[in-house]
Amino acid sequence: MSRKQILTLYKTKLQLCRYMGYQCGRWNSYDVLPQRMNKRMVNRYIKKNIMGDFLWNHVRMQYKYNLYEQDPDIINDAIDDAFVALRYINYVMELYKSKHGLLTS
C-alpha cells in the first residue's frame, strides 16, 4: 500500500512542477541550495519561471535520500512529510497561477 502512495505522490508532484516550468531531464544541483524560502524568493523564482525546477530538484533529492530506507517508522514519517510538501506545492501552484494570470474564477 505504501508503495502506491509514494508513487502517486511522486507523480502528482512531478505534474505540478512540470506545469510550473520544469522540463524532464533538467537537473541542476545549484537549484537545491536554499533550505528555507521567503515569499520574496518564491516570487522571484516564479517571475524567472524556474519555480518548477527548484521544487522538483528538492523533491527529487528527498526521494533519492530515502530510496533504500527499510525502517517502517521512518518510511511512514517520510510519507507524512511528503503530504505536507504536497500541500505547500499546491499553495505555490496557486501563487504561480495568480502571477501568470491563469486563475479561472
PDB file of N, CA and C in Angstrom:
ATOM      1  N   MET A   1       0.827  -1.203   0.000  1.00  0.00           N
ATOM      2  CA  MET A   1       0.000   0.000   0.000  1.00  0.00           C
ATOM      3  C   MET A   1       0.867   1.262   0.000  1.00  0.00           C
ATOM      4  N   SER A   2       1.917   1.263   0.797  1.00  0.00           N
ATOM      5  CA  SER A   2       2.724   2.477   0.889  1.00  0.00           C
ATOM      6  C   SER A   2       3.453   2.757  -0.425  1.00  0.00           C
ATOM      7  N   ARG A   3       3.807   1.706  -1.171  1.00  0.00           N
ATOM      8  CA  ARG A   3       4.477   1.917  -2.454  1.00  0.00           C
ATOM      9  C   ARG A   3       3.577   2.672  -3.427  1.00  0.00           C
ATOM     10  N   LYS A   4       2.294   2.330  -3.449  1.00  0.00           N
ATOM     11  CA  LYS A   4       1.354   3.038  -4.321  1.00  0.00           C
ATOM     12  C   LYS A   4       1.202   4.490  -3.887  1.00  0.00           C
ATOM     13  N   GLN A   5       1.154   4.724  -2.586  1.00  0.00           N
ATOM     14  CA  GLN A   5       1.063   6.099  -2.082  1.00  0.00           C
ATOM     15  C   GLN A   5       2.282   6.905  -2.501  1.00  0.00           C
ATOM     16  N   ILE A   6       3.439   6.310  -2.351  1.00  0.00           N
ATOM     17  CA  ILE A   6       4.680   7.008  -2.674  1.00  0.00           C
ATOM     18  C   ILE A   6       4.734   7.346  -4.159  1.00  0.00           C
ATOM     19  N   LEU A   7       4.403   6.374  -5.008  1.00  0.00           N
ATOM     20  CA  LEU A   7       4.432   6.628  -6.446  1.00  0.00           C
ATOM     21  C   LEU A   7       3.391   7.658  -6.869  1.00  0.00           C
ATOM     22  N   THR A   8       2.217   7.624  -6.251  1.00  0.00           N
ATOM     23  CA  THR A   8       1.187   8.609  -6.567  1.00  0.00           C
ATOM     24  C   THR A   8       1.613  10.005  -6.142  1.00  0.00           C
ATOM     25  N   LEU A   9       2.193  10.130  -4.966  1.00  0.00           N
ATOM     26  CA  LEU A   9       2.712  11.428  -4.522  1.00  0.00           C
ATOM     27  C   LEU A   9       3.789  11.930  -5.465  1.00  0.00           C
ATOM     28  N   TYR A  10       4.689  11.046  -5.866  1.00  0.00           N
ATOM     29  CA  TYR A  10       5.783  11.403  -6.767  1.00  0.00           C
ATOM     30  C   TYR A  10       5.247  11.909  -8.098  1.00  0.00           C
ATOM     31  N   LYS A  11       4.295  11.182  -8.682  1.00  0.00           N
ATOM     32  CA  LYS A  11       3.726  11.585  -9.967  1.00  0.00           C
ATOM     33  C   LYS A  11       2.946  12.889  -9.859  1.00  0.00           C
ATOM     34  N   THR A  12       2.215  13.074  -8.767  1.00  0.00           N
ATOM     35  CA  THR A  12       1.451  14.301  -8.581  1.00  0.00           C
ATOM     36  C   THR A  12       2.369  15.503  -8.473  1.00  0.00           C
ATOM     37  N   LYS A  13       3.431  15.372  -7.698  1.00  0.00           N
ATOM     38  CA  LYS A  13       4.386  16.468  -7.559  1.00  0.00           C
ATOM     39  C   LYS A  13       5.068  16.767  -8.888  1.00  0.00           C
ATOM     40  N   LEU A  14       5.393  15.723  -9.649  1.00  0.00           N
ATOM     41  CA  LEU A  14       6.021  15.919 -10.951  1.00  0.00           C
ATOM     42  C   LEU A  14       5.088  16.680 -11.890  1.00  0.00           C
ATOM     43  N   GLN A  15       3.814  16.336 -11.901  1.00  0.00           N
ATOM     44  CA  GLN A  15       2.853  17.029 -12.765  1.00  0.00           C
ATOM     45  C   GLN A  15       2.751  18.501 -12.405  1.00  0.00           C
ATOM     46  N   LEU A  16       2.690  18.800 -11.115  1.00  0.00           N
ATOM     47  CA  LEU A  16       2.595  20.197 -10.690  1.00  0.00           C
ATOM     48  C   LEU A  16       3.861  20.972 -11.055  1.00  0.00           C
ATOM     49  N   CYS A  17       5.007  20.360 -10.874  1.00  0.00           N
ATOM     50  CA  CYS A  17       6.269  21.040 -11.206  1.00  0.00           C
ATOM     51  C   CYS A  17       6.413  21.230 -12.709  1.00  0.00           C
ATOM     52  N   ARG A  18       5.957  20.271 -13.494  1.00  0.00           N
ATOM     53  CA  ARG A  18       6.003  20.428 -14.952  1.00  0.00           C
ATOM     54  C   ARG A  18       5.084  21.563 -15.381  1.00  0.00           C
ATOM     55  N   TYR A  19       3.960  21.723 -14.710  1.00  0.00           N
ATOM     56  CA  TYR A  19       3.062  22.826 -15.024  1.00  0.00           C
ATOM     57  C   TYR A  19       3.727  24.171 -14.728  1.00  0.00           C
ATOM     58  N   MET A  20       4.598  24.185 -13.714  1.00  0.00           N
ATOM     59  CA  MET A  20       5.274  25.422 -13.329  1.00  0.00           C
ATOM     60  C   MET A  20       6.597  25.624 -14.051  1.00  0.00           C
ATOM     61  N   GLY A  21       6.845  24.886 -15.125  1.00  0.00           N
ATOM     62  CA  GLY A  21       8.002  25.173 -15.953  1.00  0.00           C
ATOM     63  C   GLY A  21       9.113  24.145 -15.946  1.00  0.00           C
ATOM     64  N   TYR A  22       9.013  23.110 -15.131  1.00  0.00           N
ATOM     65  CA  TYR A  22      10.061  22.097 -15.116  1.00  0.00           C
ATOM     66  C   TYR A  22       9.980  21.250 -16.383  1.00  0.00           C
ATOM     67  N   GLN A  23      11.119  20.969 -16.979  1.00  0.00           N
ATOM     68  CA  GLN A  23      11.189  20.061 -18.119  1.00  0.00           C
ATOM     69  C   GLN A  23      11.985  18.833 -17.699  1.00  0.00           C
ATOM     70  N   CYS A  24      11.460  17.674 -18.006  1.00  0.00           N
ATOM     71  CA  CYS A  24      12.108  16.421 -17.591  1.00  0.00           C
ATOM     72  C   CYS A  24      13.537  16.354 -18.107  1.00  0.00           C
ATOM     73  N   GLY A  25      14.426  15.884 -17.259  1.00  0.00           N
ATOM     74  CA  GLY A  25      15.823  15.744 -17.625  1.00  0.00           C
ATOM     75  C   GLY A  25      16.687  16.906 -17.201  1.00  0.00           C
ATOM     76  N   ARG A  26      16.073  17.974 -16.692  1.00  0.00           N
ATOM     77  CA  ARG A  26      16.844  19.124 -16.236  1.00  0.00           C
ATOM     78  C   ARG A  26      17.201  18.937 -14.768  1.00  0.00           C
ATOM     79  N   TRP A  27      18.462  18.826 -14.477  1.00  0.00           N
ATOM     80  CA  TRP A  27      18.906  18.687 -13.092  1.00  0.00           C
ATOM     81  C   TRP A  27      20.047  19.655 -12.869  1.00  0.00           C
ATOM     82  N   ASN A  28      19.918  20.469 -11.853  1.00  0.00           N
ATOM     83  CA  ASN A  28      20.945  21.443 -11.520  1.00  0.00           C
ATOM     84  C   ASN A  28      21.112  21.435 -10.017  1.00  0.00           C
ATOM     85  N   SER A  29      22.264  21.048  -9.543  1.00  0.00           N
ATOM     86  CA  SER A  29      22.481  20.964  -8.104  1.00  0.00           C
ATOM     87  C   SER A  29      22.466  22.344  -7.454  1.00  0.00           C
ATOM     88  N   TYR A  30      22.653  23.409  -8.227  1.00  0.00           N
ATOM     89  CA  TYR A  30      22.627  24.758  -7.655  1.00  0.00           C
ATOM     90  C   TYR A  30      21.209  25.198  -7.308  1.00  0.00           C
ATOM     91  N   ASP A  31      20.197  24.564  -7.901  1.00  0.00           N
ATOM     92  CA  ASP A  31      18.810  24.916  -7.583  1.00  0.00           C
ATOM     93  C   ASP A  31      18.374  24.383  -6.234  1.00  0.00           C
ATOM     94  N   VAL A  32      19.190  23.604  -5.559  1.00  0.00           N
ATOM     95  CA  VAL A  32      18.807  22.979  -4.309  1.00  0.00           C
ATOM     96  C   VAL A  32      19.388  23.720  -3.105  1.00  0.00           C
ATOM     97  N   LEU A  33      20.120  24.795  -3.338  1.00  0.00           N
ATOM     98  CA  LEU A  33      20.871  25.436  -2.263  1.00  0.00           C
ATOM     99  C   LEU A  33      20.035  25.958  -1.092  1.00  0.00           C
ATOM    100  N   PRO A  34      19.089  26.871  -1.259  1.00  0.00           N
ATOM    101  CA  PRO A  34      18.427  27.407  -0.067  1.00  0.00           C
ATOM    102  C   PRO A  34      17.513  26.387   0.588  1.00  0.00           C
ATOM    103  N   GLN A  35      17.644  26.249   1.888  1.00  0.00           N
ATOM    104  CA  GLN A  35      16.786  25.319   2.616  1.00  0.00           C
ATOM    105  C   GLN A  35      15.466  25.971   3.008  1.00  0.00           C
ATOM    106  N   ARG A  36      15.497  27.248   3.241  1.00  0.00           N
ATOM    107  CA  ARG A  36      14.280  27.987   3.588  1.00  0.00           C
ATOM    108  C   ARG A  36      14.056  29.074   2.551  1.00  0.00           C
ATOM    109  N   MET A  37      12.800  29.276   2.259  1.00  0.00           N
ATOM    110  CA  MET A  37      12.461  30.303   1.285  1.00  0.00           C
ATOM    111  C   MET A  37      11.493  31.286   1.921  1.00  0.00           C
ATOM    112  N   ASN A  38      11.630  32.521   1.534  1.00  0.00           N
ATOM    113  CA  ASN A  38      10.642  33.504   1.945  1.00  0.00           C
ATOM    114  C   ASN A  38       9.790  33.847   0.724  1.00  0.00           C
ATOM    115  N   LYS A  39       8.773  34.645   0.938  1.00  0.00           N
ATOM    116  CA  LYS A  39       7.851  34.952  -0.146  1.00  0.00           C
ATOM    117  C   LYS A  39       8.546  35.720  -1.271  1.00  0.00           C
ATOM    118  N   ARG A  40       9.529  36.513  -0.931  1.00  0.00           N
ATOM    119  CA  ARG A  40      10.255  37.267  -1.950  1.00  0.00           C
ATOM    120  C   ARG A  40      10.993  36.321  -2.904  1.00  0.00           C
ATOM    121  N   MET A  41      11.637  35.283  -2.352  1.00  0.00           N
ATOM    122  CA  MET A  41      12.325  34.311  -3.194  1.00  0.00           C
ATOM    123  C   MET A  41      11.342  33.541  -4.058  1.00  0.00           C
ATOM    124  N   VAL A  42      10.192  33.192  -3.489  1.00  0.00           N
ATOM    125  CA  VAL A  42       9.171  32.478  -4.257  1.00  0.00           C
ATOM    126  C   VAL A  42       8.721  33.337  -5.428  1.00  0.00           C
ATOM    127  N   ASN A  43       8.438  34.596  -5.163  1.00  0.00           N
ATOM    128  CA  ASN A  43       8.004  35.495  -6.236  1.00  0.00           C
ATOM    129  C   ASN A  43       9.088  35.673  -7.298  1.00  0.00           C
ATOM    130  N   ARG A  44      10.348  35.741  -6.880  1.00  0.00           N
ATOM    131  CA  ARG A  44      11.445  35.883  -7.830  1.00  0.00           C
ATOM    132  C   ARG A  44      11.564  34.636  -8.710  1.00  0.00           C
ATOM    133  N   TYR A  45      11.457  33.454  -8.109  1.00  0.00           N
ATOM    134  CA  TYR A  45      11.541  32.213  -8.884  1.00  0.00           C
ATOM    135  C   TYR A  45      10.356  32.064  -9.828  1.00  0.00           C
ATOM    136  N   ILE A  46       9.179  32.502  -9.385  1.00  0.00           N
ATOM    137  CA  ILE A  46       8.006  32.442 -10.259  1.00  0.00           C
ATOM    138  C   ILE A  46       8.195  33.396 -11.431  1.00  0.00           C
ATOM    139  N   LYS A  47       8.707  34.587 -11.149  1.00  0.00           N
ATOM    140  CA  LYS A  47       8.916  35.572 -12.215  1.00  0.00           C
ATOM    141  C   LYS A  47       9.937  35.086 -13.234  1.00  0.00           C
ATOM    142  N   LYS A  48      10.994  34.402 -12.766  1.00  0.00           N
ATOM    143  CA  LYS A  48      12.012  33.869 -13.671  1.00  0.00           C
ATOM    144  C   LYS A  48      11.568  32.563 -14.333  1.00  0.00           C
ATOM    145  N   ASN A  49      10.423  32.034 -13.925  1.00  0.00           N
ATOM    146  CA  ASN A  49       9.857  30.787 -14.433  1.00  0.00           C
ATOM    147  C   ASN A  49      10.769  29.589 -14.140  1.00  0.00           C
ATOM    148  N   ILE A  50      11.381  29.588 -12.949  1.00  0.00           N
ATOM    149  CA  ILE A  50      12.203  28.454 -12.539  1.00  0.00           C
ATOM    150  C   ILE A  50      11.689  27.829 -11.239  1.00  0.00           C
ATOM    151  N   MET A  51      10.469  28.174 -10.844  1.00  0.00           N
ATOM    152  CA  MET A  51       9.912  27.623  -9.613  1.00  0.00           C
ATOM    153  C   MET A  51       9.742  26.116  -9.723  1.00  0.00           C
ATOM    154  N   GLY A  52       9.296  25.630 -10.863  1.00  0.00           N
ATOM    155  CA  GLY A  52       9.126  24.195 -11.059  1.00  0.00           C
ATOM    156  C   GLY A  52      10.443  23.452 -10.957  1.00  0.00           C
ATOM    157  N   ASP A  53      11.496  24.022 -11.536  1.00  0.00           N
ATOM    158  CA  ASP A  53      12.828  23.411 -11.451  1.00  0.00           C
ATOM    159  C   ASP A  53      13.290  23.326 -10.006  1.00  0.00           C
ATOM    160  N   PHE A  54      13.147  24.418  -9.280  1.00  0.00           N
ATOM    161  CA  PHE A  54      13.587  24.465  -7.890  1.00  0.00           C
ATOM    162  C   PHE A  54      12.839  23.436  -7.045  1.00  0.00           C
ATOM    163  N   LEU A  55      11.507  23.409  -7.165  1.00  0.00           N
ATOM    164  CA  LEU A  55      10.713  22.472  -6.371  1.00  0.00           C
ATOM    165  C   LEU A  55      11.036  21.025  -6.728  1.00  0.00           C
ATOM    166  N   TRP A  56      11.112  20.732  -8.018  1.00  0.00           N
ATOM    167  CA  TRP A  56      11.353  19.353  -8.409  1.00  0.00           C
ATOM    168  C   TRP A  56      12.735  18.881  -7.982  1.00  0.00           C
ATOM    169  N   ASN A  57      13.733  19.744  -8.026  1.00  0.00           N
ATOM    170  CA  ASN A  57      15.066  19.351  -7.563  1.00  0.00           C
ATOM    171  C   ASN A  57      15.045  18.988  -6.082  1.00  0.00           C
ATOM    172  N   HIS A  58      14.268  19.722  -5.284  1.00  0.00           N
ATOM    173  CA  HIS A  58      14.132  19.388  -3.869  1.00  0.00           C
ATOM    174  C   HIS A  58      13.383  18.073  -3.679  1.00  0.00           C
ATOM    175  N   VAL A  59      12.290  17.895  -4.410  1.00  0.00           N
ATOM    176  CA  VAL A  59      11.510  16.662  -4.304  1.00  0.00           C
ATOM    177  C   VAL A  59      12.379  15.471  -4.691  1.00  0.00           C
ATOM    178  N   ARG A  60      13.068  15.594  -5.796  1.00  0.00           N
ATOM    179  CA  ARG A  60      13.917  14.511  -6.292  1.00  0.00           C
ATOM    180  C   ARG A  60      15.010  14.167  -5.283  1.00  0.00           C
ATOM    181  N   MET A  61      15.612  15.179  -4.687  1.00  0.00           N
ATOM    182  CA  MET A  61      16.664  14.952  -3.708  1.00  0.00           C
ATOM    183  C   MET A  61      16.119  14.192  -2.493  1.00  0.00           C
ATOM    184  N   GLN A  62      14.936  14.567  -2.015  1.00  0.00           N
ATOM    185  CA  GLN A  62      14.352  13.893  -0.853  1.00  0.00           C
ATOM    186  C   GLN A  62      13.985  12.444  -1.156  1.00  0.00           C
ATOM    187  N   TYR A  63      13.431  12.198  -2.342  1.00  0.00           N
ATOM    188  CA  TYR A  63      13.094  10.824  -2.693  1.00  0.00           C
ATOM    189  C   TYR A  63      14.342   9.969  -2.845  1.00  0.00           C
ATOM    190  N   LYS A  64      15.396  10.513  -3.428  1.00  0.00           N
ATOM    191  CA  LYS A  64      16.649   9.753  -3.570  1.00  0.00           C
ATOM    192  C   LYS A  64      17.289   9.492  -2.204  1.00  0.00           C
ATOM    193  N   TYR A  65      17.158  10.445  -1.301  1.00  0.00           N
ATOM    194  CA  TYR A  65      17.737  10.298   0.029  1.00  0.00           C
ATOM    195  C   TYR A  65      17.093   9.127   0.777  1.00  0.00           C
ATOM    196  N   ASN A  66      15.788   8.927   0.588  1.00  0.00           N
ATOM    197  CA  ASN A  66      15.058   7.882   1.311  1.00  0.00           C
ATOM    198  C   ASN A  66      14.783   6.644   0.469  1.00  0.00           C
ATOM    199  N   LEU A  67      15.446   6.492  -0.642  1.00  0.00           N
ATOM    200  CA  LEU A  67      15.153   5.410  -1.578  1.00  0.00           C
ATOM    201  C   LEU A  67      15.340   4.019  -0.974  1.00  0.00           C
ATOM    202  N   TYR A  68      16.380   3.806  -0.211  1.00  0.00           N
ATOM    203  CA  TYR A  68      16.688   2.471   0.309  1.00  0.00           C
ATOM    204  C   TYR A  68      16.368   2.320   1.796  1.00  0.00           C
ATOM    205  N   GLU A  69      15.499   3.142   2.297  1.00  0.00           N
ATOM    206  CA  GLU A  69      15.123   3.082   3.712  1.00  0.00           C
ATOM    207  C   GLU A  69      14.274   1.832   3.972  1.00  0.00           C
ATOM    208  N   GLN A  70      14.549   1.122   5.061  1.00  0.00           N
ATOM    209  CA  GLN A  70      13.837  -0.110   5.384  1.00  0.00           C
ATOM    210  C   GLN A  70      12.979   0.008   6.646  1.00  0.00           C
ATOM    211  N   ASP A  71      13.282   0.954   7.503  1.00  0.00           N
ATOM    212  CA  ASP A  71      12.553   1.097   8.766  1.00  0.00           C
ATOM    213  C   ASP A  71      11.146   1.631   8.500  1.00  0.00           C
ATOM    214  N   PRO A  72      10.083   0.883   8.890  1.00  0.00           N
ATOM    215  CA  PRO A  72       8.711   1.321   8.608  1.00  0.00           C
ATOM    216  C   PRO A  72       8.335   2.651   9.278  1.00  0.00           C
ATOM    217  N   ASP A  73       8.887   2.916  10.442  1.00  0.00           N
ATOM    218  CA  ASP A  73       8.573   4.184  11.117  1.00  0.00           C
ATOM    219  C   ASP A  73       9.126   5.371  10.333  1.00  0.00           C
ATOM    220  N   ILE A  74      10.339   5.239   9.854  1.00  0.00           N
ATOM    221  CA  ILE A  74      10.942   6.319   9.071  1.00  0.00           C
ATOM    222  C   ILE A  74      10.212   6.476   7.744  1.00  0.00           C
ATOM    223  N   ILE A  75       9.811   5.367   7.144  1.00  0.00           N
ATOM    224  CA  ILE A  75       9.056   5.430   5.889  1.00  0.00           C
ATOM    225  C   ILE A  75       7.729   6.142   6.092  1.00  0.00           C
ATOM    226  N   ASN A  76       7.032   5.818   7.174  1.00  0.00           N
ATOM    227  CA  ASN A  76       5.743   6.478   7.444  1.00  0.00           C
ATOM    228  C   ASN A  76       5.920   7.965   7.723  1.00  0.00           C
ATOM    229  N   ASP A  77       6.984   8.319   8.431  1.00  0.00           N
ATOM    230  CA  ASP A  77       7.269   9.741   8.667  1.00  0.00           C
ATOM    231  C   ASP A  77       7.576  10.458   7.349  1.00  0.00           C
ATOM    232  N   ALA A  78       8.316   9.786   6.476  1.00  0.00           N
ATOM    233  CA  ALA A  78       8.642  10.389   5.180  1.00  0.00           C
ATOM    234  C   ALA A  78       7.382  10.579   4.332  1.00  0.00           C
ATOM    235  N   ILE A  79       6.455   9.626   4.395  1.00  0.00           N
ATOM    236  CA  ILE A  79       5.187   9.768   3.661  1.00  0.00           C
ATOM    237  C   ILE A  79       4.388  10.934   4.210  1.00  0.00           C
ATOM    238  N   ASP A  80       4.344  11.078   5.532  1.00  0.00           N
ATOM    239  CA  ASP A  80       3.655  12.222   6.136  1.00  0.00           C
ATOM    240  C   ASP A  80       4.286  13.534   5.692  1.00  0.00           C
ATOM    241  N   ASP A  81       5.620  13.580   5.666  1.00  0.00           N
ATOM    242  CA  ASP A  81       6.315  14.783   5.208  1.00  0.00           C
ATOM    243  C   ASP A  81       6.023  15.068   3.735  1.00  0.00           C
ATOM    244  N   ALA A  82       5.873  14.005   2.949  1.00  0.00           N
ATOM    245  CA  ALA A  82       5.573  14.180   1.526  1.00  0.00           C
ATOM    246  C   ALA A  82       4.192  14.791   1.332  1.00  0.00           C
ATOM    247  N   PHE A  83       3.220  14.401   2.157  1.00  0.00           N
ATOM    248  CA  PHE A  83       1.890  15.009   2.063  1.00  0.00           C
ATOM    249  C   PHE A  83       1.932  16.479   2.459  1.00  0.00           C
ATOM    250  N   VAL A  84       2.726  16.810   3.466  1.00  0.00           N
ATOM    251  CA  VAL A  84       2.882  18.219   3.859  1.00  0.00           C
ATOM    252  C   VAL A  84       3.535  19.002   2.725  1.00  0.00           C
ATOM    253  N   ALA A  85       4.552  18.413   2.110  1.00  0.00           N
ATOM    254  CA  ALA A  85       5.225  19.079   0.994  1.00  0.00           C
ATOM    255  C   ALA A  85       4.263  19.288  -0.167  1.00  0.00           C
ATOM    256  N   LEU A  86       3.389  18.320  -0.419  1.00  0.00           N
ATOM    257  CA  LEU A  86       2.411  18.459  -1.493  1.00  0.00           C
ATOM    258  C   LEU A  86       1.452  19.607  -1.211  1.00  0.00           C
ATOM    259  N   ARG A  87       1.087  19.779   0.052  1.00  0.00           N
ATOM    260  CA  ARG A  87       0.225  20.901   0.416  1.00  0.00           C
ATOM    261  C   ARG A  87       0.911  22.234   0.100  1.00  0.00           C
ATOM    262  N   TYR A  88       2.202  22.348   0.413  1.00  0.00           N
ATOM    263  CA  TYR A  88       2.937  23.569   0.115  1.00  0.00           C
ATOM    264  C   TYR A  88       3.123  23.764  -1.387  1.00  0.00           C
ATOM    265  N   ILE A  89       3.342  22.679  -2.113  1.00  0.00           N
ATOM    266  CA  ILE A  89       3.466  22.794  -3.569  1.00  0.00           C
ATOM    267  C   ILE A  89       2.157  23.277  -4.164  1.00  0.00           C
ATOM    268  N   ASN A  90       1.035  22.806  -3.635  1.00  0.00           N
ATOM    269  CA  ASN A  90      -0.266  23.287  -4.108  1.00  0.00           C
ATOM    270  C   ASN A  90      -0.431  24.776  -3.823  1.00  0.00           C
ATOM    271  N   TYR A  91       0.047  25.227  -2.668  1.00  0.00           N
ATOM    272  CA  TYR A  91      -0.006  26.651  -2.340  1.00  0.00           C
ATOM    273  C   TYR A  91       0.837  27.459  -3.316  1.00  0.00           C
ATOM    274  N   VAL A  92       2.039  26.995  -3.601  1.00  0.00           N
ATOM    275  CA  VAL A  92       2.911  27.683  -4.557  1.00  0.00           C
ATOM    276  C   VAL A  92       2.285  27.663  -5.945  1.00  0.00           C
ATOM    277  N   MET A  93       1.592  26.584  -6.267  1.00  0.00           N
ATOM    278  CA  MET A  93       0.913  26.479  -7.560  1.00  0.00           C
ATOM    279  C   MET A  93      -0.154  27.570  -7.698  1.00  0.00           C
ATOM    280  N   GLU A  94      -0.881  27.823  -6.635  1.00  0.00           N
ATOM    281  CA  GLU A  94      -1.879  28.896  -6.660  1.00  0.00           C
ATOM    282  C   GLU A  94      -1.213  30.253  -6.830  1.00  0.00           C
ATOM    283  N   LEU A  95      -0.078  30.473  -6.172  1.00  0.00           N
ATOM    284  CA  LEU A  95       0.674  31.720  -6.371  1.00  0.00           C
ATOM    285  C   LEU A  95       1.138  31.830  -7.814  1.00  0.00           C
ATOM    286  N   TYR A  96       1.615  30.734  -8.375  1.00  0.00           N
ATOM    287  CA  TYR A  96       2.082  30.716  -9.762  1.00  0.00           C
ATOM    288  C   TYR A  96       0.940  31.073 -10.712  1.00  0.00           C
ATOM    289  N   LYS A  97      -0.219  30.481 -10.485  1.00  0.00           N
ATOM    290  CA  LYS A  97      -1.373  30.778 -11.332  1.00  0.00           C
ATOM    291  C   LYS A  97      -1.775  32.235 -11.241  1.00  0.00           C
ATOM    292  N   SER A  98      -1.759  32.783 -10.028  1.00  0.00           N
ATOM    293  CA  SER A  98      -2.178  34.167  -9.874  1.00  0.00           C
ATOM    294  C   SER A  98      -1.169  35.143 -10.497  1.00  0.00           C
ATOM    295  N   LYS A  99       0.121  34.812 -10.426  1.00  0.00           N
ATOM    296  CA  LYS A  99       1.143  35.678 -11.024  1.00  0.00           C
ATOM    297  C   LYS A  99       1.122  35.634 -12.540  1.00  0.00           C
ATOM    298  N   HIS A 100       0.736  34.514 -13.106  1.00  0.00           N
ATOM    299  CA  HIS A 100       0.698  34.364 -14.550  1.00  0.00           C
ATOM    300  C   HIS A 100      -0.695  34.590 -15.132  1.00  0.00           C
ATOM    301  N   GLY A 101      -1.641  34.990 -14.275  1.00  0.00           N
ATOM    302  CA  GLY A 101      -2.998  35.284 -14.761  1.00  0.00           C
ATOM    303  C   GLY A 101      -3.744  34.061 -15.235  1.00  0.00           C
ATOM    304  N   LEU A 102      -3.472  32.920 -14.629  1.00  0.00           N
ATOM    305  CA  LEU A 102      -4.090  31.686 -15.060  1.00  0.00           C
ATOM    306  C   LEU A 102      -5.243  31.248 -14.181  1.00  0.00           C
ATOM    307  N   LEU A 103      -5.596  32.044 -13.187  1.00  0.00           N
ATOM    308  CA  LEU A 103      -6.699  31.681 -12.305  1.00  0.00           C
ATOM    309  C   LEU A 103      -8.025  31.859 -13.029  1.00  0.00           C
ATOM    310  N   THR A 104      -8.842  30.866 -12.942  1.00  0.00           N
ATOM    311  CA  THR A 104     -10.186  30.954 -13.541  1.00  0.00           C
ATOM    312  C   THR A 104     -11.190  30.911 -12.411  1.00  0.00           C
ATOM    313  N   SER A 105     -11.759  32.044 -12.094  1.00  0.00           N
ATOM    314  CA  SER A 105     -12.723  32.106 -11.000  1.00  0.00           C
ATOM    315  C   SER A 105     -14.092  32.389 -11.535  1.00  0.00           C
TER     316      SER A 105
END
